[in-house]
Protein backbone atom coordinates (compact mmCIF):
# COMPACT_ATOMS: atom_id res chain seq x y z
CA MET A 1 10.19 27.42 33.13
CA ASN A 2 7.16 28.85 31.54
CA PHE A 3 8.99 29.54 28.16
CA ARG A 4 9.54 26.40 27.77
CA ILE A 5 5.91 25.07 28.27
CA GLN A 6 4.67 28.09 25.94
CA ASN A 7 7.63 26.46 23.44
CA THR A 8 6.19 22.97 23.72
CA ILE A 9 2.59 23.81 23.44
CA TYR A 10 3.52 26.02 20.83
CA SER A 11 5.39 23.17 19.02
CA PHE A 12 2.57 20.56 19.33
CA SER A 13 -0.29 23.13 18.44
CA ARG A 14 1.43 23.83 14.85
CA TRP A 15 2.12 19.95 14.52
CA LEU A 16 -1.83 19.16 14.87
CA ASN A 17 -2.25 22.24 12.71
CA LEU A 18 -0.16 21.29 10.06
CA LEU A 19 -1.97 17.39 10.05
CA ILE A 20 -5.52 19.07 10.16
CA GLU A 21 -5.19 21.91 8.62
CA PRO A 22 -2.07 22.52 6.32
CA LYS A 23 -2.69 24.97 3.90
CA LYS A 24 -3.80 27.55 6.59
CA GLU A 25 -0.88 26.73 9.03
CA TRP A 26 1.74 27.36 5.99
CA GLU A 27 -0.04 30.46 5.43
CA ALA A 28 0.46 31.60 8.60
CA ILE A 29 4.09 30.08 8.41
CA ALA A 30 4.80 32.14 5.58
CA LEU A 31 4.69 35.11 7.46
CA GLU A 32 7.36 34.16 9.81
CA THR A 33 11.25 34.82 9.58
CA PRO A 34 12.58 32.57 11.99
CA ASN A 35 16.65 31.69 11.56
CA VAL A 36 17.49 27.72 11.44
CA LYS A 37 18.28 27.66 15.12
CA SER A 38 15.13 28.58 16.01
CA ILE A 39 13.15 26.12 13.91
CA PHE A 40 14.75 23.23 15.06
CA ILE A 41 14.91 24.47 19.04
CA TYR A 42 11.68 25.20 19.39
CA PHE A 43 9.93 23.17 17.18
CA ALA A 44 12.23 20.16 15.64
CA PHE A 45 13.21 18.90 19.13
CA PRO A 46 10.29 18.70 21.13
CA VAL A 47 8.77 16.61 18.16
CA ILE A 48 11.57 14.53 17.70
CA ALA A 49 11.74 13.73 20.75
CA VAL A 50 8.17 12.58 21.11
CA SER A 51 8.91 10.84 18.24
CA SER A 52 11.87 8.89 19.14
CA LEU A 53 9.98 8.35 22.19
CA LEU A 54 7.19 5.92 20.93
CA SER A 55 10.19 4.64 18.87
CA SER A 56 11.86 3.56 21.75
CA ILE A 57 8.11 2.36 23.42
CA GLY A 58 7.32 0.14 21.07
CA ALA A 59 11.13 -1.16 20.75
CA PHE A 60 10.84 -2.23 24.32
CA ILE A 61 7.37 -3.47 23.65
CA HIS A 62 8.95 -5.49 21.23
CA THR A 63 11.61 -7.03 22.55
CA GLY A 64 11.06 -6.54 26.41
CA SER A 65 14.46 -4.98 26.67
CA LEU A 66 14.65 -1.44 28.12
CA SER A 67 18.02 -0.99 27.20
CA ILE A 68 17.45 -1.78 23.43
CA GLY A 69 14.41 0.75 23.86
CA ILE A 70 16.60 3.45 25.54
CA SER A 71 19.30 2.91 22.02
CA GLN A 72 16.18 3.00 19.96
CA PHE A 73 15.33 6.23 21.56
CA VAL A 74 18.87 7.77 20.89
CA VAL A 75 19.14 5.78 17.67
CA SER A 76 15.91 7.99 16.30
CA PHE A 77 16.39 11.19 17.88
CA ILE A 78 20.07 11.32 15.52
CA SER A 79 18.52 10.03 13.21
CA LEU A 80 15.84 12.34 12.66
CA ASN A 81 17.68 15.57 13.20
CA LEU A 82 20.55 14.74 11.01
CA GLY A 83 18.33 13.60 8.11
CA PHE A 84 16.13 17.20 8.19
CA LEU A 85 19.44 18.65 8.79
CA THR A 86 21.32 16.84 5.66
CA ALA A 87 18.52 17.03 3.50
CA GLY A 88 18.48 20.65 4.15
CA LYS A 89 22.02 21.14 2.66
CA MET A 90 21.12 18.99 -0.78
CA ILE A 91 18.09 21.17 -1.28
CA GLU A 92 20.54 24.17 -1.16
CA LEU A 93 22.84 22.74 -3.60
CA LEU A 94 19.95 21.71 -5.49
CA ALA A 95 17.80 25.04 -5.64
CA PRO A 96 19.85 26.46 -8.63
CA ASN A 97 18.20 23.28 -10.98
CA PHE A 98 14.83 24.71 -10.04
CA GLN A 99 15.75 28.01 -10.69
CA LEU A 100 15.71 29.26 -7.14
CA GLN A 101 17.18 31.79 -4.62
CA ILE A 102 16.11 30.31 -0.93
CA LYS A 103 16.95 31.63 2.39
CA THR A 104 18.02 28.38 4.39
CA SER A 105 15.67 29.31 6.75
CA THR A 106 12.71 28.64 4.72
CA ILE A 107 14.00 25.57 3.16
CA TYR A 108 14.45 24.67 6.99
CA GLN A 109 10.81 25.57 7.96
CA LEU A 110 9.71 23.49 4.13
CA ILE A 111 11.74 20.36 5.43
CA VAL A 112 11.37 20.16 9.24
CA TYR A 113 7.22 21.98 9.39
CA SER A 114 6.59 18.79 6.55
CA GLY A 115 9.03 16.27 8.20
CA ALA A 116 7.54 16.42 11.47
CA VAL A 117 4.57 14.20 9.55
CA PHE A 118 6.24 11.70 8.55
CA CYS A 119 7.93 11.62 12.10
CA LEU A 120 4.88 10.98 13.54
CA PHE A 121 3.34 8.12 10.93
CA HIS A 122 6.62 6.44 11.07
CA SER A 123 6.96 6.45 15.39
CA PHE A 124 3.63 5.06 15.41
CA ALA A 125 4.28 2.70 13.02
CA LYS A 126 7.17 1.22 15.43
CA LEU A 127 4.70 0.57 17.95
CA PHE A 128 2.87 -2.21 15.93
CA SER A 129 4.78 -5.60 15.57
CA PRO A 130 6.39 -5.01 11.91
CA TYR A 131 4.26 -6.22 9.07
CA SER A 132 1.17 -6.54 10.91
CA PHE A 133 -1.89 -4.35 9.04
CA LEU A 134 -1.53 -1.30 11.73
CA ASN A 135 2.16 -1.35 11.24
CA GLN A 136 1.39 -1.15 7.03
CA ILE A 137 -1.10 1.69 7.64
CA CYS A 138 1.15 3.69 9.67
CA LEU A 139 3.13 3.60 7.07
CA VAL A 140 0.76 4.41 4.15
CA PHE A 141 0.00 7.70 6.09
CA GLU A 142 4.14 9.05 6.81
CA LEU A 143 3.45 9.40 3.09
CA TYR A 144 0.74 11.98 3.87
CA PHE A 145 3.70 14.48 4.57
CA ILE A 146 4.38 14.84 0.56
CA ARG A 147 0.90 16.63 0.23
CA VAL A 148 1.95 18.95 3.41
CA LEU A 149 5.29 19.70 1.53
CA TRP A 150 3.03 20.25 -1.83
CA LEU A 151 0.94 22.65 0.03
CA GLY A 152 3.76 24.79 1.61
CA ILE A 153 5.95 25.34 -1.38
CA SER A 154 3.61 27.66 -3.02
CA PRO A 155 3.46 29.77 -0.01
CA LEU A 156 7.14 30.12 0.84
CA LEU A 157 8.79 29.78 -2.40
CA PRO A 158 8.92 31.53 -5.80
CA ILE A 159 8.87 28.68 -7.68
CA ALA A 160 7.32 28.36 -11.00
CA GLU A 161 4.29 25.98 -11.39
CA ASN A 162 6.26 23.95 -13.60
CA LYS A 163 9.10 23.42 -11.46
CA LYS A 164 7.15 22.60 -8.27
CA PRO A 165 6.52 18.81 -9.03
CA GLY A 166 10.29 18.29 -9.64
CA PHE A 167 10.76 19.89 -6.91
CA THR A 168 8.54 18.15 -4.59
CA ILE A 169 9.82 14.60 -5.57
CA VAL A 170 13.36 15.66 -4.93
CA ALA A 171 12.27 17.16 -1.76
CA SER A 172 10.28 14.40 -0.70
CA LEU A 173 12.62 11.98 -1.70
CA LEU A 174 15.46 13.93 0.44
CA ILE A 175 12.67 13.74 3.39
CA LEU A 176 11.77 10.69 3.62
CA VAL A 177 15.08 8.61 2.60
CA LEU A 178 18.09 10.35 4.39
CA PRO A 179 16.26 10.10 8.12
CA LEU A 180 15.68 5.68 7.14
CA ILE A 181 19.43 5.81 5.77
CA PHE A 182 21.01 7.35 9.28
CA GLU A 183 18.35 5.26 10.73
CA ARG A 184 19.70 1.59 9.36
CA MET A 185 23.31 2.93 9.68
CA PHE A 186 23.16 3.49 13.39
CA SER A 187 20.90 0.31 14.02
CA VAL A 188 23.39 -1.66 12.59
CA ILE A 189 25.88 1.08 15.15
CA PHE A 190 24.11 0.00 18.36
CA THR A 191 22.80 -3.60 17.14
CA LEU A 192 19.49 -3.12 17.12
CA PRO A 193 16.89 -5.14 15.24
CA VAL A 194 15.62 -3.37 12.05
CA THR A 195 12.01 -2.61 11.49
CA ILE A 196 11.98 0.11 8.66
């Protein structure tokens, strides 16, 4: 039990550090050698679960339906995980175009850690009614993950400076678009109100 609490505290302290001091946190991440499984179990799942919970609270507030709130939790949790997994596979396939040979775990470090910032603001946006000022502000802040990703590329990847902007654009689009595509698809399947 104590082990799980420590892992949860680790996940949220890393999440906070990526928001506040991303450069310093990436330097610490660069010293680690995790595998993909540990990145998802110890960081992604807790972070995505909290983000999904915020999304489900937002759905419940706006609809007053507990079943829609629960469905929204499931949809958000699956969509974010599938989006990050698929983004990792696609970046792995595209890496040779940037003259990169990257370990799979390094790819997922970049995607999951920078994507966690996207998750936070995306779920906060769902707490507010669509098209409200606060909703739009949260949607703009979603893009902060691009800066976090940019700061993480140099410490983690042996990439030429002229290739870095292109890699950042491709990775950012995959991190942003794939979870949203999955979310829209599952929202249609579960007949949830689409708020993207």
